[in-house]
Amino acid sequence: MSIVGQEVYADEALALDYALGILIDPDLGDALQRMRTDADFALLVARYRVRLGSGVVESLASKRPNVAPPAKTWEAIMAKISGREET
């Protein structure tokens, strides 16, 4: 598997997904079991947690504006969803 141009192996992908908190069962259960029984896998998870907690995620989030769209935008979205598009 390739992520951002880098080859990532199955264990690395699972460890990264676990560190990101995006796993659901059965993958979550598998990762938790591996964390308890496989020191190498637990180390991969720990490394990703450190990398993610080092400010990279916070840095990316701080570059996105935290502004809600204006009411007119929401009205247009609701109109489209309900099938009563306004022109």
PDB file of N, CA and C in Angstrom:
ATOM      1  N   MET A   1       0.853  -1.167   0.000  1.00  0.00           N
ATOM      2  CA  MET A   1       0.000   0.000   0.000  1.00  0.00           C
ATOM      3  C   MET A   1       0.900   1.232   0.000  1.00  0.00           C
ATOM      4  N   SER A   2       0.439   2.271  -0.665  1.00  0.00           N
ATOM      5  CA  SER A   2       1.215   3.498  -0.744  1.00  0.00           C
ATOM      6  C   SER A   2       0.384   4.655  -0.187  1.00  0.00           C
ATOM      7  N   ILE A   3       0.981   5.403   0.718  1.00  0.00           N
ATOM      8  CA  ILE A   3       0.333   6.585   1.289  1.00  0.00           C
ATOM      9  C   ILE A   3       1.287   7.750   1.097  1.00  0.00           C
ATOM     10  N   VAL A   4       0.833   8.787   0.432  1.00  0.00           N
ATOM     11  CA  VAL A   4       1.619   9.981   0.139  1.00  0.00           C
ATOM     12  C   VAL A   4       2.965   9.598  -0.470  1.00  0.00           C
ATOM     13  N   GLY A   5       2.920   8.684  -1.410  1.00  0.00           N
ATOM     14  CA  GLY A   5       4.124   8.303  -2.126  1.00  0.00           C
ATOM     15  C   GLY A   5       5.081   7.415  -1.364  1.00  0.00           C
ATOM     16  N   GLN A   6       4.710   6.977  -0.173  1.00  0.00           N
ATOM     17  CA  GLN A   6       5.573   6.100   0.606  1.00  0.00           C
ATOM     18  C   GLN A   6       4.909   4.745   0.744  1.00  0.00           C
ATOM     19  N   GLU A   7       5.729   3.703   0.623  1.00  0.00           N
ATOM     20  CA  GLU A   7       5.224   2.343   0.775  1.00  0.00           C
ATOM     21  C   GLU A   7       4.928   2.088   2.249  1.00  0.00           C
ATOM     22  N   VAL A   8       3.730   1.624   2.536  1.00  0.00           N
ATOM     23  CA  VAL A   8       3.324   1.341   3.908  1.00  0.00           C
ATOM     24  C   VAL A   8       2.858  -0.109   3.964  1.00  0.00           C
ATOM     25  N   TYR A   9       3.383  -0.843   4.909  1.00  0.00           N
ATOM     26  CA  TYR A   9       3.027  -2.248   5.064  1.00  0.00           C
ATOM     27  C   TYR A   9       1.769  -2.375   5.923  1.00  0.00           C
ATOM     28  N   ALA A  10       1.150  -3.541   5.876  1.00  0.00           N
ATOM     29  CA  ALA A  10      -0.122  -3.751   6.571  1.00  0.00           C
ATOM     30  C   ALA A  10      -0.036  -3.429   8.057  1.00  0.00           C
ATOM     31  N   ASP A  11       1.037  -3.866   8.724  1.00  0.00           N
ATOM     32  CA  ASP A  11       1.181  -3.574  10.155  1.00  0.00           C
ATOM     33  C   ASP A  11       1.278  -2.076  10.408  1.00  0.00           C
ATOM     34  N   GLU A  12       2.018  -1.371   9.546  1.00  0.00           N
ATOM     35  CA  GLU A  12       2.147   0.078   9.712  1.00  0.00           C
ATOM     36  C   GLU A  12       0.805   0.772   9.507  1.00  0.00           C
ATOM     37  N   ALA A  13       0.068   0.342   8.493  1.00  0.00           N
ATOM     38  CA  ALA A  13      -1.244   0.948   8.233  1.00  0.00           C
ATOM     39  C   ALA A  13      -2.187   0.715   9.404  1.00  0.00           C
ATOM     40  N   LEU A  14      -2.190  -0.505   9.945  1.00  0.00           N
ATOM     41  CA  LEU A  14      -3.046  -0.808  11.090  1.00  0.00           C
ATOM     42  C   LEU A  14      -2.632   0.010  12.309  1.00  0.00           C
ATOM     43  N   ALA A  15      -1.330   0.120  12.545  1.00  0.00           N
ATOM     44  CA  ALA A  15      -0.829   0.903  13.680  1.00  0.00           C
ATOM     45  C   ALA A  15      -1.196   2.376  13.536  1.00  0.00           C
ATOM     46  N   LEU A  16      -1.057   2.902  12.334  1.00  0.00           N
ATOM     47  CA  LEU A  16      -1.404   4.302  12.100  1.00  0.00           C
ATOM     48  C   LEU A  16      -2.896   4.529  12.292  1.00  0.00           C
ATOM     49  N   ASP A  17      -3.716   3.653  11.737  1.00  0.00           N
ATOM     50  CA  ASP A  17      -5.168   3.783  11.910  1.00  0.00           C
ATOM     51  C   ASP A  17      -5.555   3.704  13.381  1.00  0.00           C
ATOM     52  N   TYR A  18      -4.895   2.824  14.132  1.00  0.00           N
ATOM     53  CA  TYR A  18      -5.168   2.719  15.566  1.00  0.00           C
ATOM     54  C   TYR A  18      -4.778   4.025  16.269  1.00  0.00           C
ATOM     55  N   ALA A  19      -3.594   4.537  15.953  1.00  0.00           N
ATOM     56  CA  ALA A  19      -3.124   5.776  16.586  1.00  0.00           C
ATOM     57  C   ALA A  19      -4.035   6.952  16.248  1.00  0.00           C
ATOM     58  N   LEU A  20      -4.598   6.949  15.052  1.00  0.00           N
ATOM     59  CA  LEU A  20      -5.518   8.010  14.652  1.00  0.00           C
ATOM     60  C   LEU A  20      -6.897   7.860  15.284  1.00  0.00           C
ATOM     61  N   GLY A  21      -7.175   6.657  15.792  1.00  0.00           N
ATOM     62  CA  GLY A  21      -8.467   6.408  16.424  1.00  0.00           C
ATOM     63  C   GLY A  21      -9.589   6.189  15.429  1.00  0.00           C
ATOM     64  N   ILE A  22      -9.266   5.651  14.257  1.00  0.00           N
ATOM     65  CA  ILE A  22     -10.291   5.490  13.227  1.00  0.00           C
ATOM     66  C   ILE A  22     -10.693   4.042  12.990  1.00  0.00           C
ATOM     67  N   LEU A  23     -10.202   3.127  13.822  1.00  0.00           N
ATOM     68  CA  LEU A  23     -10.548   1.721  13.647  1.00  0.00           C
ATOM     69  C   LEU A  23     -11.893   1.395  14.273  1.00  0.00           C
ATOM     70  N   ILE A  24     -12.612   0.483  13.643  1.00  0.00           N
ATOM     71  CA  ILE A  24     -13.833  -0.081  14.213  1.00  0.00           C
ATOM     72  C   ILE A  24     -13.681  -1.595  14.177  1.00  0.00           C
ATOM     73  N   ASP A  25     -14.540  -2.290  14.914  1.00  0.00           N
ATOM     74  CA  ASP A  25     -14.466  -3.752  14.924  1.00  0.00           C
ATOM     75  C   ASP A  25     -14.713  -4.306  13.533  1.00  0.00           C
ATOM     76  N   PRO A  26     -14.067  -5.363  13.166  1.00  0.00           N
ATOM     77  CA  PRO A  26     -13.189  -6.230  13.943  1.00  0.00           C
ATOM     78  C   PRO A  26     -11.738  -5.752  13.982  1.00  0.00           C
ATOM     79  N   ASP A  27     -11.390  -4.755  13.156  1.00  0.00           N
ATOM     80  CA  ASP A  27     -10.001  -4.294  13.117  1.00  0.00           C
ATOM     81  C   ASP A  27      -9.543  -3.715  14.454  1.00  0.00           C
ATOM     82  N   LEU A  28     -10.429  -3.020  15.151  1.00  0.00           N
ATOM     83  CA  LEU A  28     -10.079  -2.459  16.452  1.00  0.00           C
ATOM     84  C   LEU A  28      -9.728  -3.564  17.433  1.00  0.00           C
ATOM     85  N   GLY A  29     -10.542  -4.600  17.476  1.00  0.00           N
ATOM     86  CA  GLY A  29     -10.257  -5.730  18.360  1.00  0.00           C
ATOM     87  C   GLY A  29      -8.931  -6.399  18.023  1.00  0.00           C
ATOM     88  N   ASP A  30      -8.667  -6.544  16.732  1.00  0.00           N
ATOM     89  CA  ASP A  30      -7.395  -7.136  16.304  1.00  0.00           C
ATOM     90  C   ASP A  30      -6.213  -6.284  16.755  1.00  0.00           C
ATOM     91  N   ALA A  31      -6.341  -4.974  16.588  1.00  0.00           N
ATOM     92  CA  ALA A  31      -5.251  -4.079  16.977  1.00  0.00           C
ATOM     93  C   ALA A  31      -5.028  -4.115  18.494  1.00  0.00           C
ATOM     94  N   LEU A  32      -6.103  -4.119  19.261  1.00  0.00           N
ATOM     95  CA  LEU A  32      -5.968  -4.177  20.722  1.00  0.00           C
ATOM     96  C   LEU A  32      -5.281  -5.467  21.162  1.00  0.00           C
ATOM     97  N   GLN A  33      -5.657  -6.577  20.537  1.00  0.00           N
ATOM     98  CA  GLN A  33      -5.025  -7.851  20.861  1.00  0.00           C
ATOM     99  C   GLN A  33      -3.542  -7.819  20.500  1.00  0.00           C
ATOM    100  N   ARG A  34      -3.236  -7.272  19.344  1.00  0.00           N
ATOM    101  CA  ARG A  34      -1.833  -7.186  18.919  1.00  0.00           C
ATOM    102  C   ARG A  34      -1.026  -6.279  19.842  1.00  0.00           C
ATOM    103  N   MET A  35      -1.658  -5.214  20.340  1.00  0.00           N
ATOM    104  CA  MET A  35      -0.962  -4.314  21.272  1.00  0.00           C
ATOM    105  C   MET A  35      -0.539  -5.081  22.527  1.00  0.00           C
ATOM    106  N   ARG A  36      -1.362  -6.028  22.968  1.00  0.00           N
ATOM    107  CA  ARG A  36      -1.062  -6.787  24.184  1.00  0.00           C
ATOM    108  C   ARG A  36      -0.039  -7.893  23.961  1.00  0.00           C
ATOM    109  N   THR A  37       0.039  -8.404  22.740  1.00  0.00           N
ATOM    110  CA  THR A  37       0.847  -9.604  22.516  1.00  0.00           C
ATOM    111  C   THR A  37       2.049  -9.420  21.596  1.00  0.00           C
ATOM    112  N   ASP A  38       2.110  -8.307  20.880  1.00  0.00           N
ATOM    113  CA  ASP A  38       3.168  -8.109  19.889  1.00  0.00           C
ATOM    114  C   ASP A  38       3.911  -6.809  20.191  1.00  0.00           C
ATOM    115  N   ALA A  39       5.080  -6.927  20.769  1.00  0.00           N
ATOM    116  CA  ALA A  39       5.851  -5.749  21.181  1.00  0.00           C
ATOM    117  C   ALA A  39       6.230  -4.873  19.992  1.00  0.00           C
ATOM    118  N   ASP A  40       6.534  -5.485  18.855  1.00  0.00           N
ATOM    119  CA  ASP A  40       6.891  -4.696  17.673  1.00  0.00           C
ATOM    120  C   ASP A  40       5.713  -3.853  17.191  1.00  0.00           C
ATOM    121  N   PHE A  41       4.523  -4.448  17.211  1.00  0.00           N
ATOM    122  CA  PHE A  41       3.335  -3.703  16.804  1.00  0.00           C
ATOM    123  C   PHE A  41       3.048  -2.581  17.796  1.00  0.00           C
ATOM    124  N   ALA A  42       3.166  -2.876  19.079  1.00  0.00           N
ATOM    125  CA  ALA A  42       2.938  -1.853  20.109  1.00  0.00           C
ATOM    126  C   ALA A  42       3.920  -0.691  19.931  1.00  0.00           C
ATOM    127  N   LEU A  43       5.144  -0.997  19.542  1.00  0.00           N
ATOM    128  CA  LEU A  43       6.147   0.042  19.300  1.00  0.00           C
ATOM    129  C   LEU A  43       5.754   0.897  18.092  1.00  0.00           C
ATOM    130  N   LEU A  44       5.259   0.266  17.033  1.00  0.00           N
ATOM    131  CA  LEU A  44       4.787   1.024  15.867  1.00  0.00           C
ATOM    132  C   LEU A  44       3.694   2.006  16.270  1.00  0.00           C
ATOM    133  N   VAL A  45       2.731   1.523  17.052  1.00  0.00           N
ATOM    134  CA  VAL A  45       1.637   2.387  17.507  1.00  0.00           C
ATOM    135  C   VAL A  45       2.198   3.545  18.327  1.00  0.00           C
ATOM    136  N   ALA A  46       3.111   3.242  19.231  1.00  0.00           N
ATOM    137  CA  ALA A  46       3.706   4.284  20.079  1.00  0.00           C
ATOM    138  C   ALA A  46       4.427   5.332  19.235  1.00  0.00           C
ATOM    139  N   ARG A  47       5.131   4.886  18.229  1.00  0.00           N
ATOM    140  CA  ARG A  47       5.850   5.830  17.355  1.00  0.00           C
ATOM    141  C   ARG A  47       4.876   6.740  16.616  1.00  0.00           C
ATOM    142  N   TYR A  48       3.793   6.157  16.103  1.00  0.00           N
ATOM    143  CA  TYR A  48       2.802   6.992  15.416  1.00  0.00           C
ATOM    144  C   TYR A  48       2.129   7.949  16.380  1.00  0.00           C
ATOM    145  N   ARG A  49       1.859   7.517  17.590  1.00  0.00           N
ATOM    146  CA  ARG A  49       1.256   8.420  18.580  1.00  0.00           C
ATOM    147  C   ARG A  49       2.164   9.602  18.876  1.00  0.00           C
ATOM    148  N   VAL A  50       3.452   9.336  18.991  1.00  0.00           N
ATOM    149  CA  VAL A  50       4.412  10.416  19.246  1.00  0.00           C
ATOM    150  C   VAL A  50       4.438  11.377  18.056  1.00  0.00           C
ATOM    151  N   ARG A  51       4.508  10.816  16.852  1.00  0.00           N
ATOM    152  CA  ARG A  51       4.554  11.664  15.662  1.00  0.00           C
ATOM    153  C   ARG A  51       3.286  12.493  15.519  1.00  0.00           C
ATOM    154  N   LEU A  52       2.136  11.877  15.776  1.00  0.00           N
ATOM    155  CA  LEU A  52       0.880  12.605  15.658  1.00  0.00           C
ATOM    156  C   LEU A  52       0.712  13.630  16.767  1.00  0.00           C
ATOM    157  N   GLY A  53       1.248  13.334  17.926  1.00  0.00           N
ATOM    158  CA  GLY A  53       1.127  14.246  19.056  1.00  0.00           C
ATOM    159  C   GLY A  53       2.186  15.316  19.080  1.00  0.00           C
ATOM    160  N   SER A  54       3.079  15.304  18.102  1.00  0.00           N
ATOM    161  CA  SER A  54       4.190  16.249  18.112  1.00  0.00           C
ATOM    162  C   SER A  54       3.824  17.604  17.551  1.00  0.00           C
ATOM    163  N   GLY A  55       2.560  17.813  17.292  1.00  0.00           N
ATOM    164  CA  GLY A  55       2.131  19.111  16.796  1.00  0.00           C
ATOM    165  C   GLY A  55       1.784  19.104  15.325  1.00  0.00           C
ATOM    166  N   VAL A  56       2.033  18.003  14.633  1.00  0.00           N
ATOM    167  CA  VAL A  56       1.732  17.954  13.208  1.00  0.00           C
ATOM    168  C   VAL A  56       0.236  18.120  12.982  1.00  0.00           C
ATOM    169  N   VAL A  57      -0.568  17.361  13.704  1.00  0.00           N
ATOM    170  CA  VAL A  57      -2.016  17.434  13.535  1.00  0.00           C
ATOM    171  C   VAL A  57      -2.523  18.806  13.958  1.00  0.00           C
ATOM    172  N   GLU A  58      -2.041  19.297  15.098  1.00  0.00           N
ATOM    173  CA  GLU A  58      -2.477  20.608  15.574  1.00  0.00           C
ATOM    174  C   GLU A  58      -2.076  21.702  14.590  1.00  0.00           C
ATOM    175  N   SER A  59      -0.908  21.560  13.997  1.00  0.00           N
ATOM    176  CA  SER A  59      -0.435  22.540  13.034  1.00  0.00           C
ATOM    177  C   SER A  59      -1.340  22.587  11.816  1.00  0.00           C
ATOM    178  N   LEU A  60      -1.719  21.419  11.314  1.00  0.00           N
ATOM    179  CA  LEU A  60      -2.600  21.371  10.158  1.00  0.00           C
ATOM    180  C   LEU A  60      -3.968  21.948  10.496  1.00  0.00           C
ATOM    181  N   ALA A  61      -4.483  21.605  11.669  1.00  0.00           N
ATOM    182  CA  ALA A  61      -5.801  22.086  12.073  1.00  0.00           C
ATOM    183  C   ALA A  61      -5.811  23.596  12.239  1.00  0.00           C
ATOM    184  N   SER A  62      -4.715  24.181  12.706  1.00  0.00           N
ATOM    185  CA  SER A  62      -4.685  25.615  12.943  1.00  0.00           C
ATOM    186  C   SER A  62      -4.683  26.412  11.647  1.00  0.00           C
ATOM    187  N   LYS A  63      -4.387  25.761  10.525  1.00  0.00           N
ATOM    188  CA  LYS A  63      -4.365  26.464   9.241  1.00  0.00           C
ATOM    189  C   LYS A  63      -5.740  26.501   8.588  1.00  0.00           C
ATOM    190  N   ARG A  64      -6.667  25.738   9.124  1.00  0.00           N
ATOM    191  CA  ARG A  64      -8.026  25.732   8.582  1.00  0.00           C
ATOM    192  C   ARG A  64      -8.866  26.764   9.328  1.00  0.00           C
ATOM    193  N   PRO A  65      -9.597  27.570   8.604  1.00  0.00           N
ATOM    194  CA  PRO A  65     -10.449  28.535   9.308  1.00  0.00           C
ATOM    195  C   PRO A  65     -11.582  27.811  10.034  1.00  0.00           C
ATOM    196  N   ASN A  66     -11.869  28.272  11.232  1.00  0.00           N
ATOM    197  CA  ASN A  66     -12.941  27.680  12.033  1.00  0.00           C
ATOM    198  C   ASN A  66     -14.130  28.629  12.004  1.00  0.00           C
ATOM    199  N   VAL A  67     -14.692  28.781  10.809  1.00  0.00           N
ATOM    200  CA  VAL A  67     -15.787  29.724  10.617  1.00  0.00           C
ATOM    201  C   VAL A  67     -16.976  28.976  10.031  1.00  0.00           C
ATOM    202  N   ALA A  68     -18.123  29.164  10.635  1.00  0.00           N
ATOM    203  CA  ALA A  68     -19.339  28.530  10.122  1.00  0.00           C
ATOM    204  C   ALA A  68     -19.796  29.253   8.864  1.00  0.00           C
ATOM    205  N   PRO A  69     -20.346  28.519   7.908  1.00  0.00           N
ATOM    206  CA  PRO A  69     -20.879  29.172   6.711  1.00  0.00           C
ATOM    207  C   PRO A  69     -22.052  30.079   7.074  1.00  0.00           C
ATOM    208  N   PRO A  70     -22.310  31.082   6.264  1.00  0.00           N
ATOM    209  CA  PRO A  70     -23.430  31.975   6.558  1.00  0.00           C
ATOM    210  C   PRO A  70     -24.771  31.244   6.462  1.00  0.00           C
ATOM    211  N   ALA A  71     -25.787  31.815   7.091  1.00  0.00           N
ATOM    212  CA  ALA A  71     -27.122  31.208   7.130  1.00  0.00           C
ATOM    213  C   ALA A  71     -27.657  30.948   5.725  1.00  0.00           C
ATOM    214  N   LYS A  72     -27.366  31.826   4.778  1.00  0.00           N
ATOM    215  CA  LYS A  72     -27.842  31.667   3.408  1.00  0.00           C
ATOM    216  C   LYS A  72     -27.322  30.359   2.795  1.00  0.00           C
ATOM    217  N   THR A  73     -26.092  29.997   3.118  1.00  0.00           N
ATOM    218  CA  THR A  73     -25.514  28.751   2.615  1.00  0.00           C
ATOM    219  C   THR A  73     -26.272  27.563   3.171  1.00  0.00           C
ATOM    220  N   TRP A  74     -26.551  27.575   4.482  1.00  0.00           N
ATOM    221  CA  TRP A  74     -27.300  26.479   5.098  1.00  0.00           C
ATOM    222  C   TRP A  74     -28.698  26.376   4.503  1.00  0.00           C
ATOM    223  N   GLU A  75     -29.322  27.520   4.260  1.00  0.00           N
ATOM    224  CA  GLU A  75     -30.659  27.517   3.664  1.00  0.00           C
ATOM    225  C   GLU A  75     -30.629  26.871   2.281  1.00  0.00           C
ATOM    226  N   ALA A  76     -29.602  27.174   1.493  1.00  0.00           N
ATOM    227  CA  ALA A  76     -29.475  26.596   0.154  1.00  0.00           C
ATOM    228  C   ALA A  76     -29.251  25.083   0.236  1.00  0.00           C
ATOM    229  N   ILE A  77     -28.458  24.655   1.208  1.00  0.00           N
ATOM    230  CA  ILE A  77     -28.209  23.221   1.398  1.00  0.00           C
ATOM    231  C   ILE A  77     -29.504  22.518   1.772  1.00  0.00           C
ATOM    232  N   MET A  78     -30.226  23.076   2.732  1.00  0.00           N
ATOM    233  CA  MET A  78     -31.483  22.464   3.175  1.00  0.00           C
ATOM    234  C   MET A  78     -32.503  22.430   2.039  1.00  0.00           C
ATOM    235  N   ALA A  79     -32.534  23.474   1.234  1.00  0.00           N
ATOM    236  CA  ALA A  79     -33.470  23.516   0.115  1.00  0.00           C
ATOM    237  C   ALA A  79     -33.139  22.422  -0.892  1.00  0.00           C
ATOM    238  N   LYS A  80     -31.851  22.227  -1.153  1.00  0.00           N
ATOM    239  CA  LYS A  80     -31.441  21.194  -2.106  1.00  0.00           C
ATOM    240  C   LYS A  80     -31.763  19.804  -1.566  1.00  0.00           C
ATOM    241  N   ILE A  81     -31.512  19.598  -0.293  1.00  0.00           N
ATOM    242  CA  ILE A  81     -31.782  18.291   0.318  1.00  0.00           C
ATOM    243  C   ILE A  81     -33.282  17.980   0.293  1.00  0.00           C
ATOM    244  N   SER A  82     -34.088  18.973   0.592  1.00  0.00           N
ATOM    245  CA  SER A  82     -35.530  18.738   0.676  1.00  0.00           C
ATOM    246  C   SER A  82     -36.208  18.741  -0.689  1.00  0.00           C
ATOM    247  N   GLY A  83     -35.466  19.071  -1.739  1.00  0.00           N
ATOM    248  CA  GLY A  83     -36.026  19.050  -3.079  1.00  0.00           C
ATOM    249  C   GLY A  83     -36.742  20.341  -3.468  1.00  0.00           C
ATOM    250  N   ARG A  84     -36.618  21.367  -2.682  1.00  0.00           N
ATOM    251  CA  ARG A  84     -37.264  22.646  -2.989  1.00  0.00           C
ATOM    252  C   ARG A  84     -36.206  23.711  -3.268  1.00  0.00           C
ATOM    253  N   GLU A  85     -35.353  23.398  -4.225  1.00  0.00           N
ATOM    254  CA  GLU A  85     -34.260  24.294  -4.579  1.00  0.00           C
ATOM    255  C   GLU A  85     -34.773  25.685  -4.910  1.00  0.00           C
ATOM    256  N   GLU A  86     -34.102  26.664  -4.338  1.00  0.00           N
ATOM    257  CA  GLU A  86     -34.463  28.053  -4.605  1.00  0.00           C
ATOM    258  C   GLU A  86     -33.624  28.558  -5.762  1.00  0.00           C
ATOM    259  N   THR A  87     -34.201  29.373  -6.600  1.00  0.00           N
ATOM    260  CA  THR A  87     -33.446  29.894  -7.742  1.00  0.00           C
ATOM    261  C   THR A  87     -33.241  31.369  -7.613  1.00  0.00           C
TER     262      THR A  87
END
